[in-house]
Amino acid sequence: MIFKHITPSAHLQSFVKRYLLIHFKVNDPNISFIKPYTPSPEQCLTFDPRNTIKSVNEQTAEVVNRTANYISGQQISRLNLHIPNDYLMFKIVFQPGAMYQIFGVPLALMTDQHFDTESVIGNEMKGINEQMANAESYQTIVDIAEKYLWRKIKNRKKEANAVDKIGAILIDNPTSFSLDWLADQACWSPRNLERQFIERIGISPKLLSRISRFDKAFLLKQQNPTLDWLSVAIQTGYNDYQHLVKDFKYFAGVTPKVMLAIDQNSPERTLGLLPDVYTSSR
């Protein structure tokens, strides 16, 4: 069993932030897994080459049976992922704006959505998925993905611009930047900045910053369970605990304490798969 965050090869890192590789198999049919998946600042291409999952939107109750590979825009709602007992997943998390550069699809069309990649990118994805399903090792899965990505990057549809850099800044440091200040850095009008931001990333700069701050707060608490919630709030840029609660209710649908308790039943925690990090050998 494996739960690993993987650093991409150096020549891909300006486009790809990280990979996530998960693989587990449980023979007990009475065990079922539900992964609460809260918004984080990312756009992804995901492969489930052996068994697929079902997602339920906590806010709208929409049920989606996902395909074997899918492309995801910026998530803004909490999802509950119903995961099979025999599960292999490889997720590519792109740098801000990189998915727009590579595939040329306006990210505004994908906000809070997941689409079958064959309908968006093309039939070649079916072959990539089959190669991953039959891969002899985890490193082979990484190699298959990187070979595909490099080919697409060399023939990308769009070039980088200031939005991508600003997006990275807001994700790393989601403090209170004014739209006017951000626009001034890009030498654009505030209206043009917001329009391009929504096209390339899917949401406004303000919402991206808010999602990033929420994600950092939840991650900080997960990594430091003895840290009180007020300290979590202050350390991640919230004015006070109630400000943090407001964002948790908006993005997760519940209070911080309830969300933390729900997360304890995630499959990786149930199976004792502590997140690990390694760098690809290529």
Protein backbone atom coordinates (compact mmCIF):
# COMPACT_ATOMS: atom_id res chain seq x y z
CA MET A 1 0.00 0.00 0.00
CA ILE A 2 1.20 3.47 -0.79
CA PHE A 3 0.24 7.12 -0.20
CA LYS A 4 2.96 9.37 -1.64
CA HIS A 5 3.42 12.92 -2.81
CA ILE A 6 5.97 12.85 -5.62
CA THR A 7 8.15 15.69 -6.88
CA PRO A 8 8.09 15.95 -10.69
CA SER A 9 11.26 15.79 -12.76
CA ALA A 10 13.09 19.12 -12.97
CA HIS A 11 12.12 19.86 -16.58
CA LEU A 12 8.41 19.64 -15.67
CA GLN A 13 8.35 21.59 -12.41
CA SER A 14 7.38 24.94 -13.94
CA PHE A 15 4.15 23.27 -15.08
CA VAL A 16 3.55 20.51 -12.53
CA LYS A 17 3.50 21.14 -8.79
CA ARG A 18 3.36 17.52 -7.61
CA TYR A 19 1.93 14.06 -8.16
CA LEU A 20 -0.11 12.05 -5.69
CA LEU A 21 0.06 8.27 -5.91
CA ILE A 22 -2.32 6.12 -3.85
CA HIS A 23 -2.67 2.36 -3.95
CA PHE A 24 -4.34 0.04 -1.47
CA LYS A 25 -6.29 -3.21 -1.48
CA VAL A 26 -8.52 -4.45 1.35
CA ASN A 27 -9.99 -7.94 1.08
CA ASP A 28 -12.72 -7.46 3.69
CA PRO A 29 -15.97 -6.71 1.75
CA ASN A 30 -17.55 -5.24 4.89
CA ILE A 31 -15.13 -2.32 4.92
CA SER A 32 -16.04 0.74 2.88
CA PHE A 33 -14.20 4.03 2.46
CA ILE A 34 -15.45 7.60 2.20
CA LYS A 35 -12.88 10.34 1.75
CA PRO A 36 -14.01 13.88 2.68
CA TYR A 37 -12.32 16.07 0.07
CA THR A 38 -12.28 19.77 0.90
CA PRO A 39 -11.30 22.57 -1.51
CA SER A 40 -7.61 23.22 -2.04
CA PRO A 41 -5.94 25.54 -4.57
CA GLU A 42 -5.31 23.11 -7.41
CA GLN A 43 -6.35 22.02 -10.89
CA CYS A 44 -5.74 18.36 -11.66
CA LEU A 45 -5.61 15.52 -14.13
CA THR A 46 -6.43 12.24 -12.38
CA PHE A 47 -6.13 8.60 -13.41
CA ASP A 48 -8.05 5.78 -11.68
CA PRO A 49 -6.84 2.99 -13.98
CA ARG A 50 -8.31 -0.01 -12.17
CA ASN A 51 -11.50 0.97 -10.36
CA THR A 52 -13.50 4.17 -10.44
CA ILE A 53 -15.05 6.25 -7.65
CA LYS A 54 -18.31 8.04 -6.89
CA SER A 55 -18.36 11.61 -5.59
CA VAL A 56 -21.14 13.33 -3.65
CA ASN A 57 -21.23 17.11 -3.35
CA GLU A 58 -21.86 17.90 0.31
CA GLN A 59 -23.56 21.22 -0.49
CA THR A 60 -25.75 20.21 -3.46
CA ALA A 61 -26.04 16.43 -2.92
CA GLU A 62 -25.10 15.95 -6.61
CA VAL A 63 -23.82 12.40 -7.26
CA VAL A 64 -21.23 11.81 -9.99
CA ASN A 65 -19.85 8.46 -11.07
CA ARG A 66 -16.41 9.40 -12.30
CA THR A 67 -14.69 7.87 -15.28
CA ALA A 68 -11.30 6.15 -15.29
CA ASN A 69 -9.54 9.45 -15.98
CA TYR A 70 -10.84 12.96 -15.48
CA ILE A 71 -9.77 16.58 -15.52
CA SER A 72 -10.74 18.87 -12.64
CA GLY A 73 -11.06 22.63 -12.37
CA GLN A 74 -10.76 24.62 -9.16
CA GLN A 75 -12.88 22.94 -6.48
CA ILE A 76 -14.93 25.22 -4.24
CA SER A 77 -17.28 22.68 -2.60
CA ARG A 78 -16.60 19.79 -0.26
CA LEU A 79 -16.96 16.39 -1.86
CA ASN A 80 -17.36 12.98 -0.25
CA LEU A 81 -15.50 10.42 -2.36
CA HIS A 82 -16.77 6.83 -2.18
CA ILE A 83 -13.66 4.76 -2.86
CA PRO A 84 -13.49 1.04 -3.75
CA ASN A 85 -11.53 -1.43 -1.62
CA ASP A 86 -9.07 -2.06 -4.45
CA TYR A 87 -7.92 1.38 -5.54
CA LEU A 88 -5.08 2.80 -7.60
CA MET A 89 -4.91 6.54 -8.26
CA PHE A 90 -2.36 8.81 -9.89
CA LYS A 91 -3.08 12.54 -9.72
CA ILE A 92 -1.21 15.32 -11.53
CA VAL A 93 -1.50 18.68 -9.73
CA PHE A 94 -0.61 21.55 -12.04
CA GLN A 95 1.02 24.88 -11.28
CA PRO A 96 -1.39 27.85 -11.40
CA GLY A 97 -2.43 28.50 -14.99
CA ALA A 98 -0.43 25.53 -16.37
CA MET A 99 -3.47 23.41 -17.23
CA TYR A 100 -4.83 26.31 -19.27
CA GLN A 101 -1.47 26.67 -21.04
CA ILE A 102 -1.20 22.98 -21.87
CA PHE A 103 -4.75 22.20 -22.95
CA GLY A 104 -6.09 25.63 -23.90
CA VAL A 105 -9.47 25.07 -22.22
CA PRO A 106 -10.89 28.07 -20.28
CA LEU A 107 -10.81 27.06 -16.63
CA ALA A 108 -14.01 29.01 -15.91
CA LEU A 109 -15.87 26.14 -17.63
CA MET A 110 -14.38 23.66 -15.14
CA THR A 111 -14.84 25.39 -11.79
CA ASP A 112 -16.14 22.83 -9.26
CA GLN A 113 -16.47 20.32 -12.12
CA HIS A 114 -14.85 17.06 -13.20
CA PHE A 115 -14.88 16.03 -16.87
CA ASP A 116 -13.98 12.81 -18.64
CA THR A 117 -10.60 13.59 -20.20
CA GLU A 118 -11.43 11.81 -23.44
CA SER A 119 -14.21 14.35 -24.06
CA VAL A 120 -11.95 17.32 -23.28
CA ILE A 121 -8.44 16.27 -24.33
CA GLY A 122 -8.94 13.36 -26.72
CA ASN A 123 -8.91 9.59 -27.14
CA GLU A 124 -5.19 9.33 -26.39
CA MET A 125 -6.06 9.35 -22.68
CA LYS A 126 -7.55 5.87 -22.94
CA GLY A 127 -4.17 4.48 -23.97
CA ILE A 128 -2.36 6.31 -21.16
CA ASN A 129 -4.83 4.89 -18.65
CA GLU A 130 -4.33 1.34 -19.96
CA GLN A 131 -0.56 1.69 -19.71
CA MET A 132 -0.86 2.76 -16.07
CA ALA A 133 -3.22 -0.13 -15.28
CA ASN A 134 -0.62 -2.60 -16.58
CA ALA A 135 2.47 -0.84 -15.21
CA GLU A 136 5.04 -3.08 -13.55
CA SER A 137 5.99 -0.59 -10.85
CA TYR A 138 5.00 2.74 -9.33
CA GLN A 139 7.98 4.39 -11.01
CA THR A 140 6.69 3.14 -14.36
CA ILE A 141 3.41 4.95 -13.72
CA VAL A 142 5.36 8.16 -13.07
CA ASP A 143 7.41 7.63 -16.24
CA ILE A 144 4.26 7.11 -18.34
CA ALA A 145 2.75 10.33 -17.00
CA GLU A 146 5.92 12.38 -17.47
CA LYS A 147 6.45 11.19 -21.03
CA TYR A 148 2.88 12.22 -21.87
CA LEU A 149 3.15 15.56 -20.06
CA TRP A 150 6.41 16.55 -21.73
CA ARG A 151 4.94 15.85 -25.15
CA LYS A 152 1.90 18.04 -24.37
CA ILE A 153 4.00 20.82 -22.81
CA LYS A 154 6.22 21.08 -25.89
CA ASN A 155 3.07 21.59 -27.97
CA ARG A 156 1.12 23.65 -25.44
CA LYS A 157 -1.77 25.80 -26.62
CA LYS A 158 -1.02 28.98 -24.64
CA GLU A 159 1.95 30.81 -23.16
CA ALA A 160 2.40 31.88 -19.55
CA ASN A 161 1.47 35.37 -18.40
CA ALA A 162 1.29 37.44 -15.21
CA VAL A 163 -1.82 35.65 -13.93
CA ASP A 164 0.13 32.44 -13.45
CA LYS A 165 2.77 34.18 -11.32
CA ILE A 166 0.18 36.06 -9.29
CA GLY A 167 -1.75 32.83 -8.73
CA ALA A 168 1.38 31.18 -7.33
CA ILE A 169 1.97 34.16 -5.02
CA LEU A 170 -1.60 34.04 -3.67
CA ILE A 171 -1.39 30.29 -3.05
CA ASP A 172 1.91 30.52 -1.20
CA ASN A 173 0.98 33.64 0.75
CA PRO A 174 -2.81 34.17 0.86
CA THR A 175 -2.74 37.52 2.63
CA SER A 176 -4.95 40.51 1.91
CA PHE A 177 -3.70 41.90 -1.39
CA SER A 178 -5.96 44.46 -3.03
CA LEU A 179 -7.12 43.83 -6.58
CA ASP A 180 -5.75 47.24 -7.58
CA TRP A 181 -2.28 46.34 -6.25
CA LEU A 182 -2.27 42.99 -8.07
CA ALA A 183 -3.41 44.64 -11.30
CA ASP A 184 -0.69 47.25 -10.98
CA GLN A 185 1.96 44.50 -10.71
CA ALA A 186 0.68 43.03 -13.99
CA CYS A 187 0.34 46.47 -15.65
CA TRP A 188 -3.35 45.74 -16.29
CA SER A 189 -6.64 47.22 -15.18
CA PRO A 190 -8.32 45.44 -12.23
CA ARG A 191 -11.15 44.37 -14.56
CA ASN A 192 -8.74 42.81 -17.07
CA LEU A 193 -6.82 41.03 -14.31
CA GLU A 194 -9.97 39.46 -12.88
CA ARG A 195 -11.20 38.43 -16.34
CA GLN A 196 -7.90 36.74 -17.21
CA PHE A 197 -7.69 35.16 -13.76
CA ILE A 198 -11.09 33.53 -14.18
CA GLU A 199 -10.18 32.31 -17.68
CA ARG A 200 -6.80 30.83 -16.70
CA ILE A 201 -7.49 29.64 -13.14
CA GLY A 202 -11.28 29.48 -12.98
CA ILE A 203 -11.99 31.79 -10.06
CA SER A 204 -11.20 35.32 -8.89
CA PRO A 205 -7.96 36.24 -7.11
CA LYS A 206 -9.90 36.88 -3.90
CA LEU A 207 -11.55 33.45 -3.91
CA LEU A 208 -8.27 31.68 -4.72
CA SER A 209 -6.61 33.44 -1.78
CA ARG A 210 -9.50 32.49 0.49
CA ILE A 211 -9.36 28.82 -0.54
CA SER A 212 -5.60 28.72 -0.02
CA ARG A 213 -5.88 30.20 3.47
CA PHE A 214 -8.61 27.70 4.40
CA ASP A 215 -6.51 24.81 3.06
CA LYS A 216 -3.42 25.95 4.97
CA ALA A 217 -5.43 26.20 8.19
CA PHE A 218 -6.87 22.69 7.87
CA LEU A 219 -3.47 21.23 6.95
CA LEU A 220 -1.79 22.98 9.89
CA LYS A 221 -4.31 21.47 12.30
CA GLN A 222 -3.96 18.00 10.75
CA GLN A 223 -0.19 18.18 11.16
CA ASN A 224 -0.39 19.66 14.67
CA PRO A 225 -3.43 18.08 16.38
CA THR A 226 -2.56 19.58 19.80
CA LEU A 227 -2.53 23.13 18.43
CA ASP A 228 -5.70 24.97 19.45
CA TRP A 229 -7.97 26.35 16.72
CA LEU A 230 -7.42 29.99 17.70
CA SER A 231 -3.69 29.57 17.18
CA VAL A 232 -4.38 27.87 13.86
CA ALA A 233 -6.53 30.83 12.82
CA ILE A 234 -3.96 33.46 13.79
CA GLN A 235 -1.02 31.59 12.24
CA THR A 236 -2.80 31.26 8.88
CA GLY A 237 -3.95 34.86 8.56
CA TYR A 238 -7.46 34.85 10.01
CA ASN A 239 -8.61 37.75 12.15
CA ASP A 240 -10.01 35.44 14.83
CA TYR A 241 -11.53 31.99 15.38
CA GLN A 242 -15.01 33.04 14.14
CA HIS A 243 -13.48 34.16 10.86
CA LEU A 244 -12.00 30.66 10.50
CA VAL A 245 -15.34 29.05 11.35
CA LYS A 246 -17.04 31.10 8.63
CA ASP A 247 -14.69 29.74 5.97
CA PHE A 248 -15.03 26.16 7.21
CA LYS A 249 -18.81 26.39 7.00
CA TYR A 250 -18.54 27.87 3.51
CA PHE A 251 -16.03 25.41 2.05
CA ALA A 252 -16.62 22.27 4.15
CA GLY A 253 -20.22 22.73 5.27
CA VAL A 254 -19.37 22.15 8.94
CA THR A 255 -17.37 23.67 11.80
CA PRO A 256 -13.60 23.06 12.07
CA LYS A 257 -14.01 20.55 14.91
CA VAL A 258 -16.61 18.53 13.03
CA MET A 259 -14.53 18.54 9.84
CA LEU A 260 -11.48 17.29 11.71
CA ALA A 261 -13.51 14.46 13.25
CA ILE A 262 -14.91 13.46 9.83
CA ASP A 263 -11.43 13.44 8.35
CA GLN A 264 -10.28 10.87 10.91
CA ASN A 265 -12.27 8.27 8.96
CA SER A 266 -10.42 8.92 5.71
CA PRO A 267 -9.08 5.72 4.11
CA GLU A 268 -5.43 6.73 4.50
CA ARG A 269 -5.95 7.30 8.22
CA THR A 270 -8.02 4.14 8.68
CA LEU A 271 -5.31 2.11 6.95
CA GLY A 272 -2.44 3.93 8.66
CA LEU A 273 -1.06 5.28 5.37
CA LEU A 274 0.81 8.36 6.52
CA PRO A 275 1.53 10.78 3.67
CA ASP A 276 5.10 10.45 2.45
CA VAL A 277 7.21 12.41 0.00
CA TYR A 278 9.84 11.22 -2.45
CA THR A 279 11.48 12.52 -5.59
CA SER A 280 11.09 10.62 -8.82
CA SER A 281 14.27 8.86 -9.90
CA ARG A 282 14.06 10.40 -13.38
